[in-house]
Protein backbone atom coordinates (compact mmCIF):
# COMPACT_ATOMS: atom_id res chain seq x y z
CA MET A 1 3.51 48.15 -13.13
CA TYR A 2 5.03 44.95 -14.61
CA SER A 3 7.62 44.59 -11.79
CA HIS A 4 4.91 45.14 -9.20
CA LEU A 5 2.81 42.37 -10.74
CA HIS A 6 5.83 40.11 -11.08
CA TYR A 7 6.63 40.69 -7.42
CA HIS A 8 3.13 39.69 -6.33
CA LEU A 9 3.22 36.64 -8.59
CA SER A 10 6.57 35.47 -7.27
CA LYS A 11 5.33 36.02 -3.69
CA HIS A 12 2.20 33.97 -4.47
CA LEU A 13 4.26 31.15 -6.02
CA GLU A 14 6.52 31.13 -2.97
CA GLY A 15 3.46 30.77 -0.84
CA VAL A 16 2.17 27.87 -2.99
CA GLU A 17 5.56 26.17 -2.86
CA HIS A 18 5.65 26.59 0.93
CA LEU A 19 2.15 25.22 1.31
CA SER A 20 2.93 22.16 -0.84
CA PHE A 21 6.09 21.58 1.11
CA LEU A 22 4.06 21.76 4.37
CA PHE A 23 1.53 19.37 2.87
CA LEU A 24 4.17 16.90 1.74
CA SER A 25 5.99 16.95 5.11
CA ALA A 26 2.62 16.52 6.85
CA LYS A 27 1.93 13.44 4.68
CA ASN A 28 5.37 12.06 5.47
CA PHE A 29 4.87 12.76 9.16
CA ASN A 30 1.45 11.01 9.08
CA ARG A 31 2.99 7.98 7.33
CA LYS A 32 5.74 7.77 9.92
CA ALA A 33 3.28 8.18 12.81
CA ILE A 34 1.06 5.49 11.39
CA MET A 35 4.06 3.14 10.99
CA VAL A 36 5.16 3.79 14.58
CA PHE A 37 1.60 3.39 15.79
CA SER A 38 1.09 0.04 14.03
CA MET A 39 4.48 -1.18 15.31
CA GLU A 40 3.42 -0.24 18.85
CA GLN A 41 0.13 -2.04 18.30
CA MET A 42 2.02 -5.19 17.17
CA ASP A 43 4.31 -4.95 20.22
CA CYS A 44 1.22 -4.76 22.46
CA ARG A 45 -0.27 -7.92 20.87
CA PHE A 46 2.88 -10.00 21.42
């Protein structure tokens, strides 16, 4: 019973870690995309 619960808990934590990793990488990707986009905008202006 305990090991079964522990297994589910560890699986859940893995999922949460995976989600937070995806969220962080998405934030980093957005930041990079915004930087590239603003650089392109500056290039267009000049």
